[in-house]
Amino acid sequence: MESGYSIGMTDNVASNLARNVRQLREARKLTQAQLATTAGVPRPTLANLESGEANPTLSVLTRVAGGLQVSLEELVGPPRATGRFYPAAELPSRRRGNVTIRKLLPEGHPSFDIERMELPVGGRLTGVPHTPGTREYLTCEAGQIELVASGARWALAAGDVVVFRGDQPHSYRNCGEVPAIAYSVIAMARA
């Protein structure tokens, strides 16, 4: 075939388009008539797109994508999954000294990070100061943790939280007699 598409591939694009237009429109709480007005296309055209029976022009696809404020690729590509499961073994982890740190945001985020720290008895970790203006939220899940930040010292037991400036020198120490687990939420400052 000269087009490079097989019949099955064309059918997938049509069904992807139908599903995506409907899901995106409904997520924005728009009727077909409202989206038609926003996109500048007739309402029957949207009905045909959502049925999977349409063979739209590139111009129509571009206008509908614009009306939904998505890229053309998102409009015709496979629908995005509503969730993704990450087994514990796939989450990135590292060791710093005798402390294990595991990232809990496998896809990453530019504004914040969440880490799980396991500190053995007597375990200590010196934190790296983050960009100026960063806030850090430390929650002790199990055991006891001593946090030193900006010259202040806090003793956390299970359930306690300390909010502190993450752009200052800070350190964590297991001051208890059992392994400790803590979660750190780092809210990055905007550059």
N, C-alpha and C. Protein backbone atom coordinates (compact mmCIF):
# COMPACT_ATOMS: atom_id res chain seq x y z
N MET A 1 0.84 -1.18 0.00
CA MET A 1 0.00 0.00 0.00
C MET A 1 0.89 1.24 0.00
N GLU A 2 0.56 2.21 -0.78
CA GLU A 2 1.39 3.40 -0.87
C GLU A 2 1.29 4.29 0.36
N SER A 3 0.18 4.29 1.05
CA SER A 3 -0.01 5.19 2.18
C SER A 3 0.83 4.78 3.38
N GLY A 4 1.26 3.54 3.43
CA GLY A 4 2.03 3.08 4.58
C GLY A 4 1.16 2.59 5.71
N TYR A 5 -0.16 2.69 5.58
CA TYR A 5 -1.07 2.22 6.61
C TYR A 5 -1.78 0.97 6.13
N SER A 6 -1.88 0.01 7.01
CA SER A 6 -2.69 -1.16 6.68
C SER A 6 -4.13 -0.86 7.07
N ILE A 7 -5.04 -1.69 6.64
CA ILE A 7 -6.45 -1.49 6.98
C ILE A 7 -6.62 -1.51 8.49
N GLY A 8 -5.97 -2.45 9.17
CA GLY A 8 -6.10 -2.54 10.63
C GLY A 8 -5.58 -1.30 11.32
N MET A 9 -4.49 -0.73 10.83
CA MET A 9 -3.93 0.46 11.44
C MET A 9 -4.88 1.64 11.27
N THR A 10 -5.51 1.77 10.09
CA THR A 10 -6.47 2.84 9.85
C THR A 10 -7.66 2.68 10.78
N ASP A 11 -8.14 1.45 10.96
CA ASP A 11 -9.25 1.19 11.88
C ASP A 11 -8.87 1.60 13.30
N ASN A 12 -7.62 1.33 13.74
CA ASN A 12 -7.18 1.71 15.08
C ASN A 12 -7.18 3.21 15.25
N VAL A 13 -6.73 3.94 14.23
CA VAL A 13 -6.71 5.40 14.32
C VAL A 13 -8.14 5.91 14.44
N ALA A 14 -9.06 5.38 13.65
CA ALA A 14 -10.46 5.81 13.70
C ALA A 14 -11.08 5.52 15.07
N SER A 15 -10.81 4.33 15.63
CA SER A 15 -11.38 4.02 16.94
C SER A 15 -10.68 4.83 18.05
N ASN A 16 -9.37 5.08 17.90
CA ASN A 16 -8.68 5.94 18.86
C ASN A 16 -9.28 7.34 18.84
N LEU A 17 -9.47 7.85 17.62
CA LEU A 17 -10.02 9.19 17.45
C LEU A 17 -11.40 9.28 18.09
N ALA A 18 -12.25 8.31 17.82
CA ALA A 18 -13.61 8.31 18.36
C ALA A 18 -13.58 8.31 19.89
N ARG A 19 -12.79 7.41 20.46
CA ARG A 19 -12.71 7.29 21.92
C ARG A 19 -12.11 8.56 22.55
N ASN A 20 -11.03 9.06 21.95
CA ASN A 20 -10.36 10.24 22.51
C ASN A 20 -11.25 11.48 22.46
N VAL A 21 -11.91 11.72 21.32
CA VAL A 21 -12.76 12.90 21.22
C VAL A 21 -13.86 12.84 22.28
N ARG A 22 -14.49 11.68 22.42
CA ARG A 22 -15.57 11.53 23.39
C ARG A 22 -15.05 11.73 24.82
N GLN A 23 -13.93 11.04 25.17
CA GLN A 23 -13.39 11.14 26.53
C GLN A 23 -12.95 12.56 26.86
N LEU A 24 -12.25 13.19 25.92
CA LEU A 24 -11.76 14.55 26.17
C LEU A 24 -12.92 15.55 26.28
N ARG A 25 -13.92 15.39 25.42
CA ARG A 25 -15.07 16.29 25.48
C ARG A 25 -15.82 16.13 26.80
N GLU A 26 -16.06 14.87 27.20
CA GLU A 26 -16.78 14.61 28.45
C GLU A 26 -15.98 15.06 29.67
N ALA A 27 -14.65 14.89 29.63
CA ALA A 27 -13.81 15.34 30.74
C ALA A 27 -13.90 16.84 30.93
N ARG A 28 -14.15 17.56 29.84
CA ARG A 28 -14.27 19.01 29.90
C ARG A 28 -15.72 19.45 30.11
N LYS A 29 -16.60 18.47 30.28
CA LYS A 29 -18.03 18.72 30.50
C LYS A 29 -18.64 19.58 29.40
N LEU A 30 -18.29 19.24 28.16
CA LEU A 30 -18.83 19.94 26.99
C LEU A 30 -19.82 19.05 26.26
N THR A 31 -20.86 19.66 25.72
CA THR A 31 -21.75 18.92 24.82
C THR A 31 -21.10 18.92 23.44
N GLN A 32 -21.63 18.09 22.56
CA GLN A 32 -21.12 18.11 21.18
C GLN A 32 -21.33 19.49 20.57
N ALA A 33 -22.46 20.12 20.85
CA ALA A 33 -22.75 21.44 20.29
C ALA A 33 -21.75 22.48 20.79
N GLN A 34 -21.42 22.43 22.08
CA GLN A 34 -20.46 23.39 22.64
C GLN A 34 -19.08 23.20 22.02
N LEU A 35 -18.64 21.95 21.89
CA LEU A 35 -17.33 21.70 21.29
C LEU A 35 -17.34 22.10 19.82
N ALA A 36 -18.42 21.83 19.13
CA ALA A 36 -18.52 22.22 17.72
C ALA A 36 -18.34 23.73 17.56
N THR A 37 -18.97 24.49 18.43
CA THR A 37 -18.83 25.95 18.38
C THR A 37 -17.39 26.37 18.67
N THR A 38 -16.81 25.80 19.72
CA THR A 38 -15.43 26.13 20.10
C THR A 38 -14.44 25.77 19.00
N ALA A 39 -14.63 24.59 18.39
CA ALA A 39 -13.70 24.11 17.37
C ALA A 39 -13.99 24.68 15.99
N GLY A 40 -15.18 25.22 15.80
CA GLY A 40 -15.53 25.76 14.50
C GLY A 40 -15.83 24.69 13.46
N VAL A 41 -16.49 23.61 13.91
CA VAL A 41 -16.90 22.54 12.99
C VAL A 41 -18.38 22.24 13.23
N PRO A 42 -19.08 21.69 12.24
CA PRO A 42 -20.50 21.36 12.45
C PRO A 42 -20.67 20.25 13.50
N ARG A 43 -21.76 20.33 14.27
CA ARG A 43 -22.03 19.31 15.29
C ARG A 43 -22.13 17.91 14.68
N PRO A 44 -22.75 17.72 13.52
CA PRO A 44 -22.80 16.37 12.95
C PRO A 44 -21.38 15.80 12.67
N THR A 45 -20.44 16.68 12.38
CA THR A 45 -19.07 16.21 12.16
C THR A 45 -18.52 15.59 13.44
N LEU A 46 -18.79 16.23 14.58
CA LEU A 46 -18.34 15.66 15.86
C LEU A 46 -19.04 14.34 16.15
N ALA A 47 -20.32 14.28 15.85
CA ALA A 47 -21.06 13.03 16.06
C ALA A 47 -20.43 11.91 15.23
N ASN A 48 -20.06 12.21 13.99
CA ASN A 48 -19.40 11.21 13.14
C ASN A 48 -18.02 10.83 13.68
N LEU A 49 -17.27 11.81 14.19
CA LEU A 49 -15.96 11.50 14.77
C LEU A 49 -16.11 10.56 15.96
N GLU A 50 -17.08 10.84 16.82
CA GLU A 50 -17.27 10.04 18.02
C GLU A 50 -17.84 8.65 17.71
N SER A 51 -18.44 8.49 16.53
CA SER A 51 -18.98 7.17 16.17
C SER A 51 -17.90 6.28 15.56
N GLY A 52 -16.79 6.90 15.15
CA GLY A 52 -15.72 6.14 14.50
C GLY A 52 -15.94 5.96 13.03
N GLU A 53 -16.99 6.58 12.48
CA GLU A 53 -17.34 6.42 11.08
C GLU A 53 -16.79 7.53 10.19
N ALA A 54 -16.21 8.55 10.78
CA ALA A 54 -15.77 9.72 10.00
C ALA A 54 -14.43 9.47 9.33
N ASN A 55 -14.20 10.20 8.25
CA ASN A 55 -12.91 10.23 7.57
C ASN A 55 -12.55 11.71 7.45
N PRO A 56 -12.13 12.32 8.59
CA PRO A 56 -11.97 13.78 8.62
C PRO A 56 -10.73 14.25 7.87
N THR A 57 -10.77 15.51 7.47
CA THR A 57 -9.60 16.13 6.85
C THR A 57 -8.65 16.55 7.98
N LEU A 58 -7.44 16.86 7.59
CA LEU A 58 -6.46 17.34 8.55
C LEU A 58 -6.92 18.65 9.17
N SER A 59 -7.58 19.48 8.38
CA SER A 59 -8.09 20.75 8.88
C SER A 59 -9.11 20.54 10.00
N VAL A 60 -10.02 19.57 9.82
CA VAL A 60 -11.03 19.28 10.85
C VAL A 60 -10.34 18.75 12.11
N LEU A 61 -9.39 17.83 11.94
CA LEU A 61 -8.68 17.28 13.10
C LEU A 61 -7.95 18.38 13.87
N THR A 62 -7.32 19.28 13.15
CA THR A 62 -6.58 20.37 13.79
C THR A 62 -7.52 21.28 14.57
N ARG A 63 -8.69 21.59 13.99
CA ARG A 63 -9.65 22.44 14.69
C ARG A 63 -10.22 21.76 15.93
N VAL A 64 -10.52 20.46 15.84
CA VAL A 64 -11.05 19.74 17.00
C VAL A 64 -9.97 19.65 18.09
N ALA A 65 -8.73 19.35 17.70
CA ALA A 65 -7.64 19.31 18.68
C ALA A 65 -7.49 20.66 19.37
N GLY A 66 -7.57 21.74 18.59
CA GLY A 66 -7.50 23.08 19.16
C GLY A 66 -8.65 23.36 20.11
N GLY A 67 -9.85 22.93 19.74
CA GLY A 67 -11.02 23.13 20.59
C GLY A 67 -10.90 22.38 21.91
N LEU A 68 -10.22 21.24 21.88
CA LEU A 68 -10.03 20.44 23.09
C LEU A 68 -8.72 20.80 23.81
N GLN A 69 -7.92 21.65 23.19
CA GLN A 69 -6.62 22.09 23.73
C GLN A 69 -5.68 20.91 23.97
N VAL A 70 -5.59 20.06 22.93
CA VAL A 70 -4.66 18.94 22.97
C VAL A 70 -3.89 18.92 21.64
N SER A 71 -2.82 18.15 21.62
CA SER A 71 -2.06 18.01 20.38
C SER A 71 -2.81 17.07 19.43
N LEU A 72 -2.47 17.16 18.17
CA LEU A 72 -3.05 16.27 17.17
C LEU A 72 -2.71 14.82 17.50
N GLU A 73 -1.48 14.60 17.99
CA GLU A 73 -1.05 13.24 18.36
C GLU A 73 -1.92 12.66 19.47
N GLU A 74 -2.27 13.50 20.45
CA GLU A 74 -3.12 13.01 21.54
C GLU A 74 -4.52 12.70 21.05
N LEU A 75 -4.96 13.40 20.04
CA LEU A 75 -6.30 13.19 19.51
C LEU A 75 -6.41 11.87 18.76
N VAL A 76 -5.38 11.48 18.00
CA VAL A 76 -5.47 10.27 17.17
C VAL A 76 -4.70 9.08 17.73
N GLY A 77 -3.87 9.31 18.73
CA GLY A 77 -3.05 8.22 19.28
C GLY A 77 -3.84 7.30 20.18
N PRO A 78 -3.20 6.24 20.64
CA PRO A 78 -3.88 5.34 21.57
C PRO A 78 -4.30 6.10 22.82
N PRO A 79 -5.49 5.81 23.34
CA PRO A 79 -5.95 6.52 24.53
C PRO A 79 -4.95 6.35 25.68
N ARG A 80 -4.78 7.41 26.43
CA ARG A 80 -3.88 7.34 27.58
C ARG A 80 -4.53 6.52 28.67
N ALA A 81 -3.70 5.74 29.33
CA ALA A 81 -4.20 4.93 30.44
C ALA A 81 -4.58 5.86 31.58
N THR A 82 -5.58 5.46 32.35
CA THR A 82 -5.99 6.27 33.49
C THR A 82 -5.07 6.04 34.67
N GLY A 83 -4.27 5.02 34.63
CA GLY A 83 -3.33 4.75 35.71
C GLY A 83 -2.27 3.77 35.25
N ARG A 84 -1.18 3.71 35.99
CA ARG A 84 -0.13 2.76 35.67
C ARG A 84 0.42 2.19 36.96
N PHE A 85 0.54 0.89 37.01
CA PHE A 85 1.05 0.19 38.19
C PHE A 85 2.57 0.08 38.09
N TYR A 86 3.27 0.42 39.16
CA TYR A 86 4.72 0.27 39.23
C TYR A 86 5.05 -0.69 40.36
N PRO A 87 5.54 -1.89 40.04
CA PRO A 87 5.96 -2.80 41.11
C PRO A 87 7.10 -2.16 41.90
N ALA A 88 7.21 -2.49 43.17
CA ALA A 88 8.24 -1.91 44.03
C ALA A 88 9.63 -2.05 43.42
N ALA A 89 9.89 -3.16 42.75
CA ALA A 89 11.21 -3.40 42.17
C ALA A 89 11.55 -2.41 41.05
N GLU A 90 10.54 -1.78 40.45
CA GLU A 90 10.78 -0.81 39.37
C GLU A 90 11.03 0.60 39.88
N LEU A 91 10.73 0.87 41.15
CA LEU A 91 10.94 2.22 41.69
C LEU A 91 12.42 2.44 41.93
N PRO A 92 12.96 3.56 41.46
CA PRO A 92 14.39 3.81 41.62
C PRO A 92 14.76 3.96 43.09
N SER A 93 15.82 3.30 43.49
CA SER A 93 16.30 3.45 44.86
C SER A 93 17.83 3.55 44.83
N ARG A 94 18.35 4.12 45.89
CA ARG A 94 19.80 4.26 46.01
C ARG A 94 20.18 4.16 47.47
N ARG A 95 21.44 3.91 47.69
CA ARG A 95 21.95 3.87 49.07
C ARG A 95 22.92 5.02 49.25
N ARG A 96 22.76 5.71 50.36
CA ARG A 96 23.72 6.73 50.77
C ARG A 96 24.17 6.32 52.16
N GLY A 97 25.39 5.81 52.22
CA GLY A 97 25.85 5.24 53.49
C GLY A 97 25.03 4.01 53.78
N ASN A 98 24.46 3.95 54.98
CA ASN A 98 23.64 2.79 55.34
C ASN A 98 22.14 3.09 55.24
N VAL A 99 21.78 4.19 54.59
CA VAL A 99 20.38 4.58 54.44
C VAL A 99 19.92 4.27 53.01
N THR A 100 18.75 3.65 52.90
CA THR A 100 18.16 3.36 51.60
C THR A 100 17.10 4.42 51.30
N ILE A 101 17.21 5.02 50.12
CA ILE A 101 16.26 6.06 49.70
C ILE A 101 15.58 5.57 48.42
N ARG A 102 14.25 5.56 48.46
CA ARG A 102 13.51 5.11 47.28
C ARG A 102 12.61 6.24 46.79
N LYS A 103 12.70 6.56 45.50
CA LYS A 103 11.83 7.57 44.89
C LYS A 103 10.42 7.00 44.79
N LEU A 104 9.42 7.80 45.14
CA LEU A 104 8.04 7.34 45.06
C LEU A 104 7.27 7.99 43.92
N LEU A 105 7.94 8.82 43.12
CA LEU A 105 7.33 9.40 41.92
C LEU A 105 8.12 8.89 40.72
N PRO A 106 7.77 7.70 40.21
CA PRO A 106 8.56 7.10 39.14
C PRO A 106 8.58 7.91 37.85
N GLU A 107 7.58 8.74 37.61
CA GLU A 107 7.54 9.53 36.39
C GLU A 107 8.17 10.90 36.59
N GLY A 108 8.52 11.24 37.81
CA GLY A 108 9.15 12.52 38.10
C GLY A 108 8.17 13.67 37.99
N HIS A 109 8.51 14.76 38.65
CA HIS A 109 7.68 15.96 38.62
C HIS A 109 8.60 17.15 38.86
N PRO A 110 8.47 18.21 38.08
CA PRO A 110 9.40 19.34 38.24
C PRO A 110 9.20 20.15 39.51
N SER A 111 8.03 20.09 40.14
CA SER A 111 7.73 20.93 41.30
C SER A 111 7.95 20.26 42.65
N PHE A 112 7.88 18.95 42.68
CA PHE A 112 8.06 18.28 43.96
C PHE A 112 8.58 16.86 43.77
N ASP A 113 9.05 16.31 44.88
CA ASP A 113 9.56 14.95 44.88
C ASP A 113 9.13 14.30 46.19
N ILE A 114 8.97 12.99 46.17
CA ILE A 114 8.63 12.24 47.38
C ILE A 114 9.61 11.09 47.48
N GLU A 115 10.23 10.96 48.64
CA GLU A 115 11.19 9.89 48.86
C GLU A 115 10.85 9.15 50.15
N ARG A 116 11.12 7.85 50.14
CA ARG A 116 10.97 7.01 51.33
C ARG A 116 12.37 6.66 51.81
N MET A 117 12.62 6.90 53.08
CA MET A 117 13.95 6.63 53.65
C MET A 117 13.85 5.53 54.70
N GLU A 118 14.74 4.58 54.59
CA GLU A 118 14.87 3.53 55.60
C GLU A 118 16.19 3.73 56.31
N LEU A 119 16.14 4.01 57.62
CA LEU A 119 17.34 4.25 58.40
C LEU A 119 17.51 3.12 59.40
N PRO A 120 18.60 2.37 59.32
CA PRO A 120 18.82 1.31 60.32
C PRO A 120 19.12 1.96 61.67
N VAL A 121 19.13 1.18 62.72
CA VAL A 121 19.46 1.69 64.04
C VAL A 121 20.80 2.41 63.96
N GLY A 122 20.82 3.66 64.42
CA GLY A 122 22.04 4.47 64.36
C GLY A 122 22.31 5.07 62.99
N GLY A 123 21.49 4.76 62.00
CA GLY A 123 21.71 5.26 60.64
C GLY A 123 21.59 6.78 60.58
N ARG A 124 22.41 7.37 59.73
CA ARG A 124 22.43 8.84 59.60
C ARG A 124 22.56 9.21 58.13
N LEU A 125 21.89 10.29 57.74
CA LEU A 125 21.93 10.77 56.38
C LEU A 125 22.05 12.29 56.40
N THR A 126 23.03 12.82 55.70
CA THR A 126 23.16 14.27 55.57
C THR A 126 22.47 14.67 54.28
N GLY A 127 21.48 15.53 54.40
CA GLY A 127 20.73 15.97 53.23
C GLY A 127 21.51 16.99 52.43
N VAL A 128 21.22 17.04 51.15
CA VAL A 128 21.84 18.02 50.26
C VAL A 128 20.88 19.20 50.15
N PRO A 129 21.32 20.42 50.49
CA PRO A 129 20.42 21.57 50.37
C PRO A 129 19.91 21.72 48.94
N HIS A 130 18.62 22.00 48.83
CA HIS A 130 17.97 22.16 47.53
C HIS A 130 18.03 23.62 47.11
N THR A 131 17.40 23.95 45.99
CA THR A 131 17.41 25.32 45.48
C THR A 131 16.77 26.27 46.50
N PRO A 132 17.21 27.53 46.52
CA PRO A 132 16.67 28.50 47.48
C PRO A 132 15.15 28.59 47.41
N GLY A 133 14.53 28.61 48.59
CA GLY A 133 13.08 28.71 48.69
C GLY A 133 12.38 27.36 48.79
N THR A 134 13.10 26.26 48.67
CA THR A 134 12.51 24.92 48.74
C THR A 134 12.05 24.62 50.16
N ARG A 135 10.87 23.98 50.28
CA ARG A 135 10.34 23.54 51.57
C ARG A 135 10.37 22.02 51.58
N GLU A 136 10.62 21.47 52.76
CA GLU A 136 10.62 20.02 52.89
C GLU A 136 9.69 19.63 54.02
N TYR A 137 8.97 18.54 53.81
CA TYR A 137 8.01 18.03 54.78
C TYR A 137 8.46 16.62 55.13
N LEU A 138 8.90 16.42 56.36
CA LEU A 138 9.39 15.11 56.81
C LEU A 138 8.36 14.48 57.71
N THR A 139 7.95 13.26 57.36
CA THR A 139 6.99 12.50 58.17
C THR A 139 7.66 11.22 58.64
N CYS A 140 7.62 10.98 59.93
CA CYS A 140 8.14 9.74 60.49
C CYS A 140 7.01 8.70 60.45
N GLU A 141 7.26 7.59 59.77
CA GLU A 141 6.25 6.53 59.68
C GLU A 141 6.44 5.49 60.78
N ALA A 142 7.69 5.15 61.05
CA ALA A 142 7.99 4.12 62.07
C ALA A 142 9.33 4.43 62.71
N GLY A 143 9.45 4.08 63.98
CA GLY A 143 10.69 4.31 64.70
C GLY A 143 10.79 5.75 65.17
N GLN A 144 12.02 6.21 65.37
CA GLN A 144 12.27 7.58 65.83
C GLN A 144 13.36 8.21 64.98
N ILE A 145 13.14 9.44 64.58
CA ILE A 145 14.12 10.13 63.75
C ILE A 145 14.42 11.49 64.36
N GLU A 146 15.69 11.82 64.39
CA GLU A 146 16.11 13.15 64.80
C GLU A 146 16.45 13.92 63.53
N LEU A 147 15.83 15.09 63.39
CA LEU A 147 16.09 15.97 62.25
C LEU A 147 16.81 17.20 62.77
N VAL A 148 17.91 17.54 62.11
CA VAL A 148 18.61 18.78 62.39
C VAL A 148 18.55 19.61 61.12
N ALA A 149 18.01 20.82 61.23
CA ALA A 149 17.89 21.70 60.06
C ALA A 149 18.05 23.14 60.51
N SER A 150 18.94 23.85 59.86
CA SER A 150 19.17 25.28 60.15
C SER A 150 19.45 25.51 61.63
N GLY A 151 20.16 24.61 62.27
CA GLY A 151 20.53 24.77 63.67
C GLY A 151 19.48 24.32 64.65
N ALA A 152 18.26 23.99 64.22
CA ALA A 152 17.21 23.49 65.11
C ALA A 152 17.23 21.96 65.10
N ARG A 153 16.74 21.38 66.17
CA ARG A 153 16.74 19.92 66.31
C ARG A 153 15.34 19.47 66.72
N TRP A 154 14.80 18.47 66.01
CA TRP A 154 13.49 17.91 66.32
C TRP A 154 13.59 16.40 66.47
N ALA A 155 12.84 15.87 67.42
CA ALA A 155 12.75 14.41 67.60
C ALA A 155 11.35 14.01 67.13
N LEU A 156 11.31 13.16 66.09
CA LEU A 156 10.03 12.72 65.52
C LEU A 156 9.76 11.27 65.88
N ALA A 157 8.54 11.00 66.30
CA ALA A 157 8.07 9.63 66.50
C ALA A 157 7.05 9.35 65.40
N ALA A 158 6.59 8.12 65.32
CA ALA A 158 5.64 7.73 64.27
C ALA A 158 4.45 8.69 64.22
N GLY A 159 4.20 9.23 63.03
CA GLY A 159 3.08 10.13 62.81
C GLY A 159 3.44 11.60 62.88
N ASP A 160 4.60 11.94 63.44
CA ASP A 160 5.00 13.34 63.54
C ASP A 160 5.48 13.89 62.20
N VAL A 161 5.31 15.20 62.01
CA VAL A 161 5.73 15.88 60.79
C VAL A 161 6.49 17.15 61.17
N VAL A 162 7.57 17.43 60.44
CA VAL A 162 8.28 18.70 60.58
C VAL A 162 8.36 19.32 59.19
N VAL A 163 8.06 20.61 59.11
CA VAL A 163 8.19 21.37 57.87
C VAL A 163 9.40 22.28 58.07
N PHE A 164 10.32 22.27 57.12
CA PHE A 164 11.52 23.08 57.28
C PHE A 164 12.03 23.56 55.93
N ARG A 165 12.97 24.48 55.99
CA ARG A 165 13.58 25.00 54.77
C ARG A 165 14.53 23.95 54.22
N GLY A 166 14.22 23.46 53.04
CA GLY A 166 15.06 22.43 52.42
C GLY A 166 16.27 23.00 51.73
N ASP A 167 16.40 24.33 51.72
CA ASP A 167 17.55 24.95 51.08
C ASP A 167 18.68 25.21 52.08
N GLN A 168 18.54 24.70 53.30
CA GLN A 168 19.55 24.85 54.35
C GLN A 168 20.17 23.49 54.65
N PRO A 169 21.34 23.47 55.28
CA PRO A 169 21.92 22.18 55.67
C PRO A 169 20.95 21.44 56.60
N HIS A 170 20.82 20.15 56.40
CA HIS A 170 19.93 19.34 57.22
C HIS A 170 20.43 17.90 57.26
N SER A 171 20.03 17.18 58.32
CA SER A 171 20.44 15.77 58.44
C SER A 171 19.38 15.00 59.20
N TYR A 172 19.37 13.70 58.97
CA TYR A 172 18.42 12.79 59.59
C TYR A 172 19.20 11.70 60.31
N ARG A 173 18.72 11.30 61.50
CA ARG A 173 19.38 10.22 62.24
C ARG A 173 18.34 9.37 62.94
N ASN A 174 18.52 8.06 62.85
CA ASN A 174 17.66 7.16 63.60
C ASN A 174 18.18 7.14 65.03
N CYS A 175 17.41 7.74 65.93
CA CYS A 175 17.84 7.82 67.33
C CYS A 175 17.12 6.80 68.19
N GLY A 176 16.41 5.85 67.55
CA GLY A 176 15.68 4.84 68.29
C GLY A 176 16.41 3.51 68.32
N GLU A 177 15.70 2.49 68.77
CA GLU A 177 16.29 1.16 68.91
C GLU A 177 15.73 0.16 67.91
N VAL A 178 14.97 0.67 66.94
CA VAL A 178 14.45 -0.17 65.85
C VAL A 178 14.66 0.59 64.54
N PRO A 179 14.65 -0.10 63.41
CA PRO A 179 14.78 0.62 62.14
C PRO A 179 13.68 1.68 62.01
N ALA A 180 14.01 2.79 61.35
CA ALA A 180 13.06 3.89 61.17
C ALA A 180 12.74 4.07 59.70
N ILE A 181 11.51 4.48 59.44
CA ILE A 181 11.06 4.77 58.08
C ILE A 181 10.47 6.17 58.08
N ALA A 182 10.89 6.97 57.11
CA ALA A 182 10.38 8.33 56.99
C ALA A 182 10.08 8.63 55.53
N TYR A 183 9.19 9.59 55.33
CA TYR A 183 8.85 10.07 53.99
C TYR A 183 9.18 11.54 53.93
N SER A 184 9.83 11.93 52.85
CA SER A 184 10.19 13.33 52.65
C SER A 184 9.50 13.84 51.40
N VAL A 185 8.70 14.88 51.55
CA VAL A 185 8.08 15.55 50.41
C VAL A 185 8.84 16.86 50.22
N ILE A 186 9.42 17.02 49.06
CA ILE A 186 10.25 18.19 48.77
C ILE A 186 9.49 19.06 47.77
N ALA A 187 9.10 20.25 48.22
CA ALA A 187 8.39 21.20 47.35
C ALA A 187 9.42 22.19 46.83
N MET A 188 9.79 21.98 45.56
CA MET A 188 10.83 22.81 44.95
C MET A 188 10.36 24.24 44.76
N ALA A 189 11.27 25.17 44.98
CA ALA A 189 10.98 26.58 44.72
C ALA A 189 11.00 26.81 43.23
N ARG A 190 10.19 27.74 42.78
CA ARG A 190 10.20 28.09 41.35
C ARG A 190 11.44 28.91 41.05
N ALA A 191 12.04 28.64 39.92
CA ALA A 191 13.26 29.36 39.56
C ALA A 191 12.94 30.80 39.23
